[in-house]
C-alpha atoms as a PDB file:
ATOM      1  CA  MET A   1       0.003   0.003  -0.004  1.00  0.00           C
ATOM      2  CA  LYS A   2       2.817   2.452   0.868  1.00  0.00           C
ATOM      3  CA  HIS A   3       4.469   1.740  -2.476  1.00  0.00           C
ATOM      4  CA  TRP A   4       1.219   2.645  -4.289  1.00  0.00           C
ATOM      5  CA  ILE A   5       0.919   5.978  -2.382  1.00  0.00           C
ATOM      6  CA  LYS A   6       4.526   6.911  -3.198  1.00  0.00           C
ATOM      7  CA  LEU A   7       3.947   6.100  -6.870  1.00  0.00           C
ATOM      8  CA  ALA A   8       0.746   8.197  -6.964  1.00  0.00           C
ATOM      9  CA  GLY A   9       2.480  11.123  -5.231  1.00  0.00           C
ATOM     10  CA  THR A  10       5.391  10.968  -7.667  1.00  0.00           C
ATOM     11  CA  ALA A  11       2.999  10.908 -10.632  1.00  0.00           C
ATOM     12  CA  LEU A  12       1.133  13.915  -9.211  1.00  0.00           C
ATOM     13  CA  LEU A  13       4.388  15.882  -8.787  1.00  0.00           C
ATOM     14  CA  ALA A  14       5.541  14.976 -12.286  1.00  0.00           C
ATOM     15  CA  GLY A  15       2.218  16.066 -13.760  1.00  0.00           C
ATOM     16  CA  THR A  16       2.319  19.352 -11.873  1.00  0.00           C
ATOM     17  CA  ALA A  17       5.881  19.991 -13.063  1.00  0.00           C
ATOM     18  CA  ALA A  18       4.871  19.279 -16.664  1.00  0.00           C
ATOM     19  CA  VAL A  19       1.939  21.720 -16.473  1.00  0.00           C
ATOM     20  CA  CYS A  20       4.156  24.434 -14.934  1.00  0.00           C
ATOM     21  CA  ALA A  21       6.813  23.952 -17.626  1.00  0.00           C
ATOM     22  CA  TRP A  22       4.195  24.139 -20.377  1.00  0.00           C
ATOM     23  CA  ALA A  23       2.784  27.367 -18.917  1.00  0.00           C
ATOM     24  CA  ALA A  24       6.235  28.908 -18.584  1.00  0.00           C
ATOM     25  CA  VAL A  25       7.231  28.082 -22.174  1.00  0.00           C
ATOM     26  CA  GLY A  26       3.900  29.440 -23.425  1.00  0.00           C
ATOM     27  CA  GLY A  27       4.453  32.694 -21.533  1.00  0.00           C
ATOM     28  CA  ILE A  28       7.967  33.090 -22.921  1.00  0.00           C
ATOM     29  CA  ALA A  29       6.744  32.479 -26.457  1.00  0.00           C
ATOM     30  CA  GLU A  30       4.004  35.059 -25.976  1.00  0.00           C
ATOM     31  CA  GLN A  31       6.509  37.668 -24.775  1.00  0.00           C
ATOM     32  CA  ALA A  32       8.869  36.963 -27.680  1.00  0.00           C
ATOM     33  CA  ARG A  33       6.208  37.582 -30.322  1.00  0.00           C
ATOM     34  CA  PRO A  34       6.295  41.167 -31.690  1.00  0.00           C
ATOM     35  CA  ARG A  35       3.322  43.258 -30.725  1.00  0.00           C
ATOM     36  CA  GLU A  36       1.410  44.650 -33.639  1.00  0.00           C
ATOM     37  CA  SER A  37      -0.367  47.198 -31.433  1.00  0.00           C
ATOM     38  CA  GLU A  38       2.895  49.130 -30.823  1.00  0.00           C
ATOM     39  CA  GLN A  39       3.304  49.701 -34.556  1.00  0.00           C
ATOM     40  CA  ALA A  40      -0.359  50.494 -35.047  1.00  0.00           C
ATOM     41  CA  GLU A  41      -0.435  53.067 -32.215  1.00  0.00           C
ATOM     42  CA  PHE A  42       2.525  54.994 -33.539  1.00  0.00           C
ATOM     43  CA  SER A  43       1.713  58.060 -35.564  1.00  0.00           C
ATOM     44  CA  TYR A  44       3.701  61.248 -35.820  1.00  0.00           C
ATOM     45  CA  VAL A  45       2.399  64.309 -37.580  1.00  0.00           C
ATOM     46  CA  PRO A  46       5.201  66.825 -38.073  1.00  0.00           C
ATOM     47  CA  SER A  47       4.362  70.397 -37.057  1.00  0.00           C
ATOM     48  CA  CYS A  48       6.103  71.748 -40.162  1.00  0.00           C
ATOM     49  CA  SER A  49       7.688  70.577 -43.403  1.00  0.00           C
ATOM     50  CA  LEU A  50      11.377  69.810 -43.714  1.00  0.00           C
ATOM     51  CA  ALA A  51      11.814  73.024 -45.741  1.00  0.00           C
ATOM     52  CA  GLU A  52      10.226  75.122 -42.961  1.00  0.00           C
ATOM     53  CA  ALA A  53      11.984  73.365 -40.066  1.00  0.00           C
ATOM     54  CA  GLU A  54      14.262  75.254 -37.724  1.00  0.00           C
ATOM     55  CA  TYR A  55      15.883  71.933 -36.756  1.00  0.00           C
ATOM     56  CA  VAL A  56      16.015  68.458 -38.287  1.00  0.00           C
ATOM     57  CA  LEU A  57      16.565  65.266 -36.308  1.00  0.00           C
ATOM     58  CA  ARG A  58      18.447  62.522 -38.156  1.00  0.00           C
ATOM     59  CA  GLU A  59      20.655  59.546 -37.488  1.00  0.00           C
ATOM     60  CA  TYR A  60      24.360  60.314 -37.427  1.00  0.00           C
ATOM     61  CA  GLU A  61      26.997  57.699 -36.533  1.00  0.00           C
ATOM     62  CA  GLY A  62      24.369  55.508 -34.856  1.00  0.00           C
ATOM     63  CA  CYS A  63      22.936  58.255 -32.651  1.00  0.00           C
ATOM     64  CA  VAL A  64      20.180  60.856 -32.899  1.00  0.00           C
ATOM     65  CA  ALA A  65      21.651  64.161 -34.075  1.00  0.00           C
ATOM     66  CA  VAL A  66      20.290  67.701 -34.376  1.00  0.00           C
ATOM     67  CA  PHE A  67      20.904  69.458 -37.712  1.00  0.00           C
ATOM     68  CA  SER A  68      20.123  73.088 -38.493  1.00  0.00           C
ATOM     69  CA  SER A  69      18.723  72.295 -41.952  1.00  0.00           C
ATOM     70  CA  VAL A  70      17.938  69.374 -44.280  1.00  0.00           C
ATOM     71  CA  GLY A  71      21.095  69.687 -46.365  1.00  0.00           C
ATOM     72  CA  ASP A  72      23.631  69.921 -43.510  1.00  0.00           C
ATOM     73  CA  THR A  73      26.174  67.120 -43.446  1.00  0.00           C
ATOM     74  CA  SER A  74      27.481  67.686 -39.933  1.00  0.00           C
ATOM     75  CA  PRO A  75      25.208  68.047 -36.901  1.00  0.00           C
ATOM     76  CA  MET A  76      24.872  70.988 -34.539  1.00  0.00           C
ATOM     77  CA  THR A  77      24.562  68.521 -31.675  1.00  0.00           C
ATOM     78  CA  LEU A  78      25.097  64.785 -31.395  1.00  0.00           C
ATOM     79  CA  THR A  79      23.045  63.181 -28.623  1.00  0.00           C
ATOM     80  CA  ASP A  80      23.812  59.995 -26.729  1.00  0.00           C
ATOM     81  CA  ILE A  81      20.477  58.467 -27.836  1.00  0.00           C
ATOM     82  CA  GLU A  82      21.386  55.338 -29.766  1.00  0.00           C
ATOM     83  CA  VAL A  83      19.163  54.783 -32.804  1.00  0.00           C
ATOM     84  CA  GLY A  84      19.429  51.010 -32.357  1.00  0.00           C
ATOM     85  CA  THR A  85      17.441  51.238 -29.119  1.00  0.00           C
ATOM     86  CA  LEU A  86      14.492  52.979 -30.767  1.00  0.00           C
ATOM     87  CA  ARG A  87      11.374  51.415 -32.247  1.00  0.00           C
ATOM     88  CA  GLU A  88      11.442  50.567 -35.955  1.00  0.00           C
ATOM     89  CA  ALA A  89       8.932  53.322 -36.739  1.00  0.00           C
ATOM     90  CA  ASP A  90      11.130  55.934 -35.026  1.00  0.00           C
ATOM     91  CA  ARG A  91      14.205  54.679 -36.931  1.00  0.00           C
ATOM     92  CA  GLN A  92      12.390  54.993 -40.263  1.00  0.00           C
ATOM     93  CA  ILE A  93      11.366  58.592 -39.510  1.00  0.00           C
ATOM     94  CA  LEU A  94      14.952  59.463 -38.490  1.00  0.00           C
ATOM     95  CA  ASN A  95      16.292  58.023 -41.749  1.00  0.00           C
ATOM     96  CA  THR A  96      14.331  60.566 -43.759  1.00  0.00           C
ATOM     97  CA  GLY A  97      14.673  63.387 -41.240  1.00  0.00           C
ATOM     98  CA  LEU A  98      12.281  64.591 -38.547  1.00  0.00           C
ATOM     99  CA  ALA A  99      11.217  68.236 -39.055  1.00  0.00           C
ATOM    100  CA  VAL A 100      11.174  70.294 -35.858  1.00  0.00           C
ATOM    101  CA  ALA A 101       9.550  73.728 -35.808  1.00  0.00           C
ATOM    102  CA  ASP A 102      11.184  75.270 -32.715  1.00  0.00           C
ATOM    103  CA  ARG A 103      13.404  74.719 -29.688  1.00  0.00           C
ATOM    104  CA  GLU A 104      10.503  73.713 -27.401  1.00  0.00           C
ATOM    105  CA  GLU A 105       9.423  70.948 -29.796  1.00  0.00           C
ATOM    106  CA  LEU A 106      13.066  69.875 -30.167  1.00  0.00           C
ATOM    107  CA  LEU A 107      13.477  69.431 -26.416  1.00  0.00           C
ATOM    108  CA  THR A 108      10.180  67.526 -26.163  1.00  0.00           C
ATOM    109  CA  LEU A 109      11.113  65.139 -28.984  1.00  0.00           C
ATOM    110  CA  LEU A 110      14.580  64.483 -27.584  1.00  0.00           C
ATOM    111  CA  GLU A 111      13.077  63.756 -24.171  1.00  0.00           C
ATOM    112  CA  ASP A 112      10.585  61.325 -25.765  1.00  0.00           C
ATOM    113  CA  LEU A 113      13.242  59.563 -27.822  1.00  0.00           C
ATOM    114  CA  GLY A 114      15.597  59.331 -24.847  1.00  0.00           C
ATOM    115  CA  SER A 115      13.115  57.666 -22.532  1.00  0.00           C
END
């Protein structure tokens, strides 16, 4: 009788361990899947065109840089915000150039990108 109880207890523990492992793997797989809602929620409407912009944010040497106009080849300021850490949508916008109307908007955008 004792042998039967030990066997039943072992089977119960093994079953519980299998269920926990299955739940853990399922949770990891769920976290690894890219979220479509992040891409869908992103929308940026520039406050001005690139031609009218006082500043332009672009990628420069892997970081976000502030340029004074669209055609500038060297930045006014190079930030420590690494482009590789940003969302794909942000990186695409920085590749073409992000028009910024004034200093206040510039500071707000840099704060958003840096957080």
